[in-house]
C-alpha atoms as a PDB file:
ATOM      1  CA  ILE A   1       1.186  19.960  21.390  1.00  0.00           C
ATOM      2  CA  VAL A   2      -1.031  19.944  24.450  1.00  0.00           C
ATOM      3  CA  ARG A   3      -3.235  17.250  22.944  1.00  0.00           C
ATOM      4  CA  TYR A   4      -0.165  15.120  22.204  1.00  0.00           C
ATOM      5  CA  ALA A   5       1.137  15.564  25.741  1.00  0.00           C
ATOM      6  CA  THR A   6      -2.164  14.698  27.387  1.00  0.00           C
ATOM      7  CA  SER A   7      -3.443  11.911  25.145  1.00  0.00           C
ATOM      8  CA  PRO A   8      -1.779   8.492  25.386  1.00  0.00           C
ATOM      9  CA  GLU A   9      -3.986   7.235  22.543  1.00  0.00           C
ATOM     10  CA  LEU A  10      -2.738   9.999  20.237  1.00  0.00           C
ATOM     11  CA  ARG A  11       0.894   9.315  21.173  1.00  0.00           C
ATOM     12  CA  ASN A  12       0.366   5.614  20.487  1.00  0.00           C
ATOM     13  CA  MET A  13      -1.275   6.323  17.116  1.00  0.00           C
ATOM     14  CA  ILE A  14       1.584   8.625  16.084  1.00  0.00           C
ATOM     15  CA  ASP A  15       4.138   6.021  17.199  1.00  0.00           C
ATOM     16  CA  ILE A  16       2.419   3.367  15.066  1.00  0.00           C
ATOM     17  CA  ARG A  17       2.387   5.682  12.003  1.00  0.00           C
ATOM     18  CA  ARG A  18       6.082   6.434  12.445  1.00  0.00           C
ATOM     19  CA  PHE A  19       6.784   2.724  12.723  1.00  0.00           C
ATOM     20  CA  GLU A  20       4.852   2.058   9.484  1.00  0.00           C
ATOM     21  CA  ARG A  21       6.864   4.668   7.587  1.00  0.00           C
ATOM     22  CA  ARG A  22      10.160   3.372   8.958  1.00  0.00           C
ATOM     23  CA  MET A  23       9.235  -0.234   8.157  1.00  0.00           C
ATOM     24  CA  GLU A  24       8.438   0.639   4.518  1.00  0.00           C
ATOM     25  CA  GLN A  25      12.140   1.356   4.048  1.00  0.00           C
ATOM     26  CA  TRP A  26      13.326  -1.961   5.482  1.00  0.00           C
ATOM     27  CA  THR A  27      15.144  -4.285   3.145  1.00  0.00           C
ATOM     28  CA  PRO A  28      16.097  -7.945   3.524  1.00  0.00           C
ATOM     29  CA  ALA A  29      19.483  -6.652   4.709  1.00  0.00           C
ATOM     30  CA  TYR A  30      17.766  -5.089   7.726  1.00  0.00           C
ATOM     31  CA  LEU A  31      16.300  -8.422   8.753  1.00  0.00           C
ATOM     32  CA  ALA A  32      19.711 -10.022   8.270  1.00  0.00           C
ATOM     33  CA  GLN A  33      21.117  -7.422  10.672  1.00  0.00           C
ATOM     34  CA  VAL A  34      18.419  -8.261  13.234  1.00  0.00           C
ATOM     35  CA  GLU A  35      19.266 -11.951  12.847  1.00  0.00           C
ATOM     36  CA  ARG A  36      22.939 -11.211  13.540  1.00  0.00           C
ATOM     37  CA  LEU A  37      21.899  -9.293  16.655  1.00  0.00           C
ATOM     38  CA  TYR A  38      19.688 -12.233  17.596  1.00  0.00           C
ATOM     39  CA  ASN A  39      22.740 -14.453  17.839  1.00  0.00           C
ATOM     40  CA  GLN A  40      24.418 -11.944  20.167  1.00  0.00           C
ATOM     41  CA  ASN A  41      21.552 -10.533  22.213  1.00  0.00           C
ATOM     42  CA  LYS A  42      17.980 -11.726  21.734  1.00  0.00           C
ATOM     43  CA  VAL A  43      16.360  -8.918  23.747  1.00  0.00           C
ATOM     44  CA  MET A  44      18.183  -6.159  21.869  1.00  0.00           C
ATOM     45  CA  ALA A  45      17.353  -7.748  18.506  1.00  0.00           C
ATOM     46  CA  PHE A  46      13.660  -8.044  19.284  1.00  0.00           C
ATOM     47  CA  ARG A  47      13.394  -4.509  20.653  1.00  0.00           C
ATOM     48  CA  CYS A  48      15.193  -3.244  17.562  1.00  0.00           C
ATOM     49  CA  LEU A  49      12.740  -5.095  15.329  1.00  0.00           C
ATOM     50  CA  PHE A  50       9.707  -3.678  17.122  1.00  0.00           C
ATOM     51  CA  GLY A  51      11.243  -0.236  17.616  1.00  0.00           C
ATOM     52  CA  THR A  52      10.895  -0.249  21.397  1.00  0.00           C
ATOM     53  CA  ASP A  53      13.482   0.489  24.044  1.00  0.00           C
ATOM     54  CA  ALA A  54      11.438  -0.608  27.050  1.00  0.00           C
ATOM     55  CA  ALA A  55       8.488  -2.848  27.782  1.00  0.00           C
ATOM     56  CA  ALA A  56       5.793  -1.770  25.337  1.00  0.00           C
ATOM     57  CA  PRO A  57       2.081  -2.319  25.963  1.00  0.00           C
ATOM     58  CA  GLU A  58       0.666  -5.457  24.396  1.00  0.00           C
ATOM     59  CA  SER A  59      -1.692  -3.425  22.199  1.00  0.00           C
ATOM     60  CA  THR A  60       1.262  -1.581  20.661  1.00  0.00           C
ATOM     61  CA  LEU A  61       3.156  -4.816  20.089  1.00  0.00           C
ATOM     62  CA  ALA A  62       0.106  -6.396  18.456  1.00  0.00           C
ATOM     63  CA  ALA A  63      -0.399  -3.419  16.143  1.00  0.00           C
ATOM     64  CA  LYS A  64       3.250  -3.458  15.064  1.00  0.00           C
ATOM     65  CA  ARG A  65       3.103  -7.216  14.514  1.00  0.00           C
ATOM     66  CA  ARG A  66       0.104  -6.806  12.192  1.00  0.00           C
ATOM     67  CA  ILE A  67       1.972  -4.119  10.240  1.00  0.00           C
ATOM     68  CA  MET A  68       5.014  -6.355   9.843  1.00  0.00           C
ATOM     69  CA  ALA A  69       2.836  -9.333   8.874  1.00  0.00           C
ATOM     70  CA  ARG A  70       1.433  -7.348   5.953  1.00  0.00           C
ATOM     71  CA  LYS A  71       4.957  -7.076   4.569  1.00  0.00           C
ATOM     72  CA  PHE A  72       6.742 -10.228   5.739  1.00  0.00           C
ATOM     73  CA  HIS A  73       4.056 -12.915   5.674  1.00  0.00           C
ATOM     74  CA  PRO A  74       4.786 -15.593   3.041  1.00  0.00           C
ATOM     75  CA  ASP A  75       1.359 -15.076   1.459  1.00  0.00           C
ATOM     76  CA  ALA A  76       2.173 -11.378   1.015  1.00  0.00           C
ATOM     77  CA  GLY A  77       5.518 -11.996  -0.678  1.00  0.00           C
ATOM     78  CA  GLY A  78       7.645 -12.339   2.447  1.00  0.00           C
ATOM     79  CA  SER A  79       9.434 -15.394   3.702  1.00  0.00           C
ATOM     80  CA  ASN A  80       8.764 -18.032   6.333  1.00  0.00           C
ATOM     81  CA  LYS A  81      12.033 -17.161   8.041  1.00  0.00           C
ATOM     82  CA  ALA A  82      11.167 -13.460   8.347  1.00  0.00           C
ATOM     83  CA  MET A  83       7.676 -14.139   9.656  1.00  0.00           C
ATOM     84  CA  ALA A  84       9.016 -16.682  12.147  1.00  0.00           C
ATOM     85  CA  LEU A  85      11.410 -14.025  13.477  1.00  0.00           C
ATOM     86  CA  VAL A  86       8.552 -11.506  13.813  1.00  0.00           C
ATOM     87  CA  ASN A  87       6.360 -14.031  15.637  1.00  0.00           C
ATOM     88  CA  GLU A  88       9.133 -15.109  17.985  1.00  0.00           C
ATOM     89  CA  ALA A  89       9.956 -11.474  18.777  1.00  0.00           C
ATOM     90  CA  TYR A  90       6.304 -10.681  19.445  1.00  0.00           C
ATOM     91  CA  ASP A  91       5.846 -13.655  21.761  1.00  0.00           C
ATOM     92  CA  TYR A  92       9.038 -12.887  23.658  1.00  0.00           C
ATOM     93  CA  LEU A  93       8.314  -9.166  24.114  1.00  0.00           C
ATOM     94  CA  ARG A  94       4.712  -9.892  25.120  1.00  0.00           C
ATOM     95  CA  GLU A  95       5.951 -12.270  27.814  1.00  0.00           C
ATOM     96  CA  GLN A  96       8.431  -9.643  29.025  1.00  0.00           C
ATOM     97  CA  ALA A  97       5.695  -7.006  29.216  1.00  0.00           C
ATOM     98  CA  SER A  98       3.412  -9.218  31.287  1.00  0.00           C
ATOM     99  CA  ALA A  99       6.167 -10.332  33.667  1.00  0.00           C
END
């Protein structure tokens, strides 16, 4: 517990692993839900997709984007629409983090 509390790298690594496990359970219906949110509130939809509630560091966003690309990229059996949503969310959240 002490190591977790004092090591940002360990917390980040655990967060990424949790995200991977949660993403494995996503279905196309989940992405449809994010798209519906997108029409109502872009920021909330993108944070929901990346599993963040505040401005996340760019390294965390990049790691989560790579994880999602492994599942949603058209060459990996995903769709162009899903990957476009992931890329747009990444770009938007990265801009928000640097602002």
